[in-house]
Structures are given as C-alpha cells and as structure tokens.
Amino acid sequence: MTEMPKTLLRYHEHPDYWMWACIAVDHSFAVHIWARKRPQSEEAQLGFGEYYGGVEQHRPPREGEEADHSLCPFLNGPCCHDGSSLAFDEFKTAVAESIREQTPHRILNKACDWFERRWNYYNEKAVSDEHTRQD
C-alpha cells in the first residue's frame, strides 16, 4: 500500500461561511468540510439546524476518467470530487461548537480523520482497479 502523504491544513472564515481543509502536500488528495449559516427564516420554516454544509474529497482523475473541475483550488490542477451533505451531519454539532467557540482545530482534526479514511479507500480501490484491468 502507498504511504500516506504529509498534509497541510487550511481554515477560512467569512461572515456566514467556514471552510476547513486537509490537503496532501504533494496535492494528490484533499478533503474539505464547509459550512454555511442557514438564514433564520429558513431554519425556522424547515426545522433544520443552524448550519448546513458538506464533506468533500478531491483527487486527480485516473487514466481515462473525466475531471469534474479543470482547476481544483486544493490540488492546483484537474480533479474528480465527491462529497456528501449527509456526511456533514456527522460533524454538525462539532461545527456549531467550533464556530461559536472559535476553535477551528476541532474541525481540522475531523477533516484529517476523514482524509485518512478516504485516502485509504481511494488508494485501495485504485490498486484493486489496476489488478482488474491486468486480468
């Protein structure tokens, strides 16, 4: 199995938007978690939480695969990206606490945990796909 790359962390905050990212130093993989503050009228009307967001992973396209983005801000090149607003539910309480308490490192740690799980999954899948093509 390929050794896990070293990572760098990014955190951006705007009035109603937050982003936490764990990025491979060699730009081979990235995970970012984002959150937006839901408008109060929508929060009350829909009965959802104060924040909504997503957890997304980015990787370079494999041979023959079309890129989702030609210039990914995390990989500095083309990427395929996959994400889930459902996965955000796993982080929603921690995100709200992190934003209120101004402790971005809590979510950065979660982004790094997600990075490790997804990086391992994609690398195992790449090895499996390569063996399938050779057979």
C-alpha atoms as a PDB file:
ATOM      1  CA  MET A   1       0.000   0.000   0.000  1.00  0.00           C
ATOM      2  CA  THR A   2       1.139   3.548  -0.748  1.00  0.00           C
ATOM      3  CA  GLU A   3       2.389   5.532   2.230  1.00  0.00           C
ATOM      4  CA  MET A   4       0.061   8.275   3.436  1.00  0.00           C
ATOM      5  CA  PRO A   5       1.337  11.702   2.329  1.00  0.00           C
ATOM      6  CA  LYS A   6       2.152  14.555   4.693  1.00  0.00           C
ATOM      7  CA  THR A   7      -0.652  17.072   4.909  1.00  0.00           C
ATOM      8  CA  LEU A   8      -1.185  20.774   5.326  1.00  0.00           C
ATOM      9  CA  LEU A   9      -4.240  22.391   6.863  1.00  0.00           C
ATOM     10  CA  ARG A  10      -6.318  25.375   5.741  1.00  0.00           C
ATOM     11  CA  TYR A  11      -9.022  27.279   7.520  1.00  0.00           C
ATOM     12  CA  HIS A  12     -11.072  30.142   6.022  1.00  0.00           C
ATOM     13  CA  GLU A  13     -13.743  32.128   7.739  1.00  0.00           C
ATOM     14  CA  HIS A  14     -16.167  34.661   6.275  1.00  0.00           C
ATOM     15  CA  PRO A  15     -19.227  36.204   7.957  1.00  0.00           C
ATOM     16  CA  ASP A  16     -21.569  33.290   7.112  1.00  0.00           C
ATOM     17  CA  TYR A  17     -19.201  30.703   5.584  1.00  0.00           C
ATOM     18  CA  TRP A  18     -16.460  28.480   7.018  1.00  0.00           C
ATOM     19  CA  MET A  19     -14.095  26.010   5.357  1.00  0.00           C
ATOM     20  CA  TRP A  20     -11.657  23.528   6.881  1.00  0.00           C
ATOM     21  CA  ALA A  21      -9.305  21.509   4.661  1.00  0.00           C
ATOM     22  CA  CYS A  22      -6.704  18.780   4.982  1.00  0.00           C
ATOM     23  CA  ILE A  23      -4.561  18.661   1.829  1.00  0.00           C
ATOM     24  CA  ALA A  24      -1.749  16.322   0.810  1.00  0.00           C
ATOM     25  CA  VAL A  25       1.464  18.351   0.495  1.00  0.00           C
ATOM     26  CA  ASP A  26       2.044  16.764  -2.931  1.00  0.00           C
ATOM     27  CA  HIS A  27      -1.528  17.823  -3.933  1.00  0.00           C
ATOM     28  CA  SER A  28      -2.527  14.204  -4.611  1.00  0.00           C
ATOM     29  CA  PHE A  29      -5.624  14.250  -2.387  1.00  0.00           C
ATOM     30  CA  ALA A  30      -7.647  16.665  -0.267  1.00  0.00           C
ATOM     31  CA  VAL A  31     -10.677  16.698   1.991  1.00  0.00           C
ATOM     32  CA  HIS A  32     -12.578  19.791   2.912  1.00  0.00           C
ATOM     33  CA  ILE A  33     -15.517  20.432   5.190  1.00  0.00           C
ATOM     34  CA  TRP A  34     -17.613  23.532   4.597  1.00  0.00           C
ATOM     35  CA  ALA A  35     -20.470  25.128   6.481  1.00  0.00           C
ATOM     36  CA  ARG A  36     -22.872  27.999   5.927  1.00  0.00           C
ATOM     37  CA  LYS A  37     -25.143  29.648   8.422  1.00  0.00           C
ATOM     38  CA  ARG A  38     -28.735  28.960   7.448  1.00  0.00           C
ATOM     39  CA  PRO A  39     -30.975  32.070   7.189  1.00  0.00           C
ATOM     40  CA  GLN A  40     -33.149  32.274  10.314  1.00  0.00           C
ATOM     41  CA  SER A  41     -36.364  32.258   8.277  1.00  0.00           C
ATOM     42  CA  GLU A  42     -35.314  29.013   6.566  1.00  0.00           C
ATOM     43  CA  GLU A  43     -34.137  27.460   9.833  1.00  0.00           C
ATOM     44  CA  ALA A  44     -37.494  28.113  11.486  1.00  0.00           C
ATOM     45  CA  GLN A  45     -39.553  27.138   8.434  1.00  0.00           C
ATOM     46  CA  LEU A  46     -37.730  23.888   7.629  1.00  0.00           C
ATOM     47  CA  GLY A  47     -36.882  22.871  11.171  1.00  0.00           C
ATOM     48  CA  PHE A  48     -33.279  22.110  10.218  1.00  0.00           C
ATOM     49  CA  GLY A  49     -30.228  23.084  12.202  1.00  0.00           C
ATOM     50  CA  GLU A  50     -28.473  26.406  12.307  1.00  0.00           C
ATOM     51  CA  TYR A  51     -25.814  25.269   9.805  1.00  0.00           C
ATOM     52  CA  TYR A  52     -25.719  23.256   6.592  1.00  0.00           C
ATOM     53  CA  GLY A  53     -22.673  22.091   4.683  1.00  0.00           C
ATOM     54  CA  GLY A  54     -20.755  19.262   3.151  1.00  0.00           C
ATOM     55  CA  VAL A  55     -17.740  16.987   3.370  1.00  0.00           C
ATOM     56  CA  GLU A  56     -15.917  16.636   0.054  1.00  0.00           C
ATOM     57  CA  GLN A  57     -12.847  14.770  -1.143  1.00  0.00           C
ATOM     58  CA  HIS A  58     -10.724  15.724  -4.160  1.00  0.00           C
ATOM     59  CA  ARG A  59      -8.293  13.548  -6.160  1.00  0.00           C
ATOM     60  CA  PRO A  60      -6.645  13.705  -9.586  1.00  0.00           C
ATOM     61  CA  PRO A  61      -8.555  11.898 -12.356  1.00  0.00           C
ATOM     62  CA  ARG A  62      -7.439   8.359 -13.147  1.00  0.00           C
ATOM     63  CA  GLU A  63      -6.464   7.367 -16.681  1.00  0.00           C
ATOM     64  CA  GLY A  64      -9.468   7.753 -18.990  1.00  0.00           C
ATOM     65  CA  GLU A  65     -11.562   9.484 -16.311  1.00  0.00           C
ATOM     66  CA  GLU A  66     -13.020  12.929 -16.976  1.00  0.00           C
ATOM     67  CA  ALA A  67     -12.268  15.635 -14.380  1.00  0.00           C
ATOM     68  CA  ASP A  68     -15.104  17.358 -12.516  1.00  0.00           C
ATOM     69  CA  HIS A  69     -13.066  20.559 -12.270  1.00  0.00           C
ATOM     70  CA  SER A  70     -10.245  21.709 -14.541  1.00  0.00           C
ATOM     71  CA  LEU A  71      -8.554  23.709 -11.778  1.00  0.00           C
ATOM     72  CA  CYS A  72      -9.195  22.482  -8.262  1.00  0.00           C
ATOM     73  CA  PRO A  73      -8.227  25.022  -5.581  1.00  0.00           C
ATOM     74  CA  PHE A  74      -6.925  22.206  -3.381  1.00  0.00           C
ATOM     75  CA  LEU A  75      -4.952  20.157  -5.919  1.00  0.00           C
ATOM     76  CA  ASN A  76      -3.809  23.031  -8.161  1.00  0.00           C
ATOM     77  CA  GLY A  77      -4.910  21.070 -11.230  1.00  0.00           C
ATOM     78  CA  PRO A  78      -7.778  18.939 -12.528  1.00  0.00           C
ATOM     79  CA  CYS A  79      -9.724  16.883 -10.003  1.00  0.00           C
ATOM     80  CA  CYS A  80     -12.547  14.461  -9.518  1.00  0.00           C
ATOM     81  CA  HIS A  81     -14.506  15.321  -6.441  1.00  0.00           C
ATOM     82  CA  ASP A  82     -17.112  13.549  -4.432  1.00  0.00           C
ATOM     83  CA  GLY A  83     -18.961  14.796  -1.420  1.00  0.00           C
ATOM     84  CA  SER A  84     -21.954  14.493   0.792  1.00  0.00           C
ATOM     85  CA  SER A  85     -24.174  16.823   2.717  1.00  0.00           C
ATOM     86  CA  LEU A  86     -25.315  13.727   4.619  1.00  0.00           C
ATOM     87  CA  ALA A  87     -21.762  13.160   5.867  1.00  0.00           C
ATOM     88  CA  PHE A  88     -21.875  16.710   7.211  1.00  0.00           C
ATOM     89  CA  ASP A  89     -24.453  15.554   9.760  1.00  0.00           C
ATOM     90  CA  GLU A  90     -21.624  13.623  11.447  1.00  0.00           C
ATOM     91  CA  PHE A  91     -19.859  16.949  12.064  1.00  0.00           C
ATOM     92  CA  LYS A  92     -22.782  19.351  12.536  1.00  0.00           C
ATOM     93  CA  THR A  93     -22.663  19.606  16.347  1.00  0.00           C
ATOM     94  CA  ALA A  94     -18.875  19.917  16.410  1.00  0.00           C
ATOM     95  CA  VAL A  95     -19.015  22.528  13.613  1.00  0.00           C
ATOM     96  CA  ALA A  96     -21.522  24.657  15.515  1.00  0.00           C
ATOM     97  CA  GLU A  97     -19.426  24.454  18.694  1.00  0.00           C
ATOM     98  CA  SER A  98     -16.226  25.183  16.774  1.00  0.00           C
ATOM     99  CA  ILE A  99     -17.730  28.265  15.119  1.00  0.00           C
ATOM    100  CA  ARG A 100     -19.208  29.604  18.375  1.00  0.00           C
ATOM    101  CA  GLU A 101     -16.058  28.931  20.409  1.00  0.00           C
ATOM    102  CA  GLN A 102     -13.681  29.945  17.581  1.00  0.00           C
ATOM    103  CA  THR A 103     -11.784  26.644  17.788  1.00  0.00           C
ATOM    104  CA  PRO A 104     -11.159  25.646  14.152  1.00  0.00           C
ATOM    105  CA  HIS A 105      -8.647  22.963  15.199  1.00  0.00           C
ATOM    106  CA  ARG A 106     -11.517  20.687  16.331  1.00  0.00           C
ATOM    107  CA  ILE A 107     -12.902  20.506  12.793  1.00  0.00           C
ATOM    108  CA  LEU A 108      -9.441  20.385  11.228  1.00  0.00           C
ATOM    109  CA  ASN A 109      -8.817  17.231  13.273  1.00  0.00           C
ATOM    110  CA  LYS A 110     -12.071  15.767  11.936  1.00  0.00           C
ATOM    111  CA  ALA A 111     -11.067  16.744   8.376  1.00  0.00           C
ATOM    112  CA  CYS A 112      -7.760  14.898   8.895  1.00  0.00           C
ATOM    113  CA  ASP A 113      -9.569  11.802  10.203  1.00  0.00           C
ATOM    114  CA  TRP A 114     -11.859  11.889   7.146  1.00  0.00           C
ATOM    115  CA  PHE A 115      -8.809  12.452   4.910  1.00  0.00           C
ATOM    116  CA  GLU A 116      -7.123   9.302   6.255  1.00  0.00           C
ATOM    117  CA  ARG A 117     -10.238   7.128   5.841  1.00  0.00           C
ATOM    118  CA  ARG A 118     -10.995   8.368   2.317  1.00  0.00           C
ATOM    119  CA  TRP A 119      -7.356   8.374   1.187  1.00  0.00           C
ATOM    120  CA  ASN A 120      -7.021   4.729   2.230  1.00  0.00           C
ATOM    121  CA  TYR A 121     -10.293   3.859   0.467  1.00  0.00           C
ATOM    122  CA  TYR A 122      -9.294   5.518  -2.826  1.00  0.00           C
ATOM    123  CA  ASN A 123      -5.824   4.004  -2.808  1.00  0.00           C
ATOM    124  CA  GLU A 124      -7.133   0.502  -2.091  1.00  0.00           C
ATOM    125  CA  LYS A 125      -9.714   0.963  -4.876  1.00  0.00           C
ATOM    126  CA  ALA A 126      -7.014   2.153  -7.314  1.00  0.00           C
ATOM    127  CA  VAL A 127      -4.917  -0.959  -6.602  1.00  0.00           C
ATOM    128  CA  SER A 128      -7.993  -3.188  -6.995  1.00  0.00           C
ATOM    129  CA  ASP A 129      -8.949  -1.475 -10.283  1.00  0.00           C
ATOM    130  CA  GLU A 130      -5.412  -1.869 -11.606  1.00  0.00           C
ATOM    131  CA  HIS A 131      -5.450  -5.631 -10.849  1.00  0.00           C
ATOM    132  CA  THR A 132      -8.841  -5.945 -12.578  1.00  0.00           C
ATOM    133  CA  ARG A 133      -7.505  -4.243 -15.742  1.00  0.00           C
ATOM    134  CA  GLN A 134      -4.458  -6.529 -15.824  1.00  0.00           C
ATOM    135  CA  ASP A 135      -6.517  -9.738 -15.533  1.00  0.00           C
END
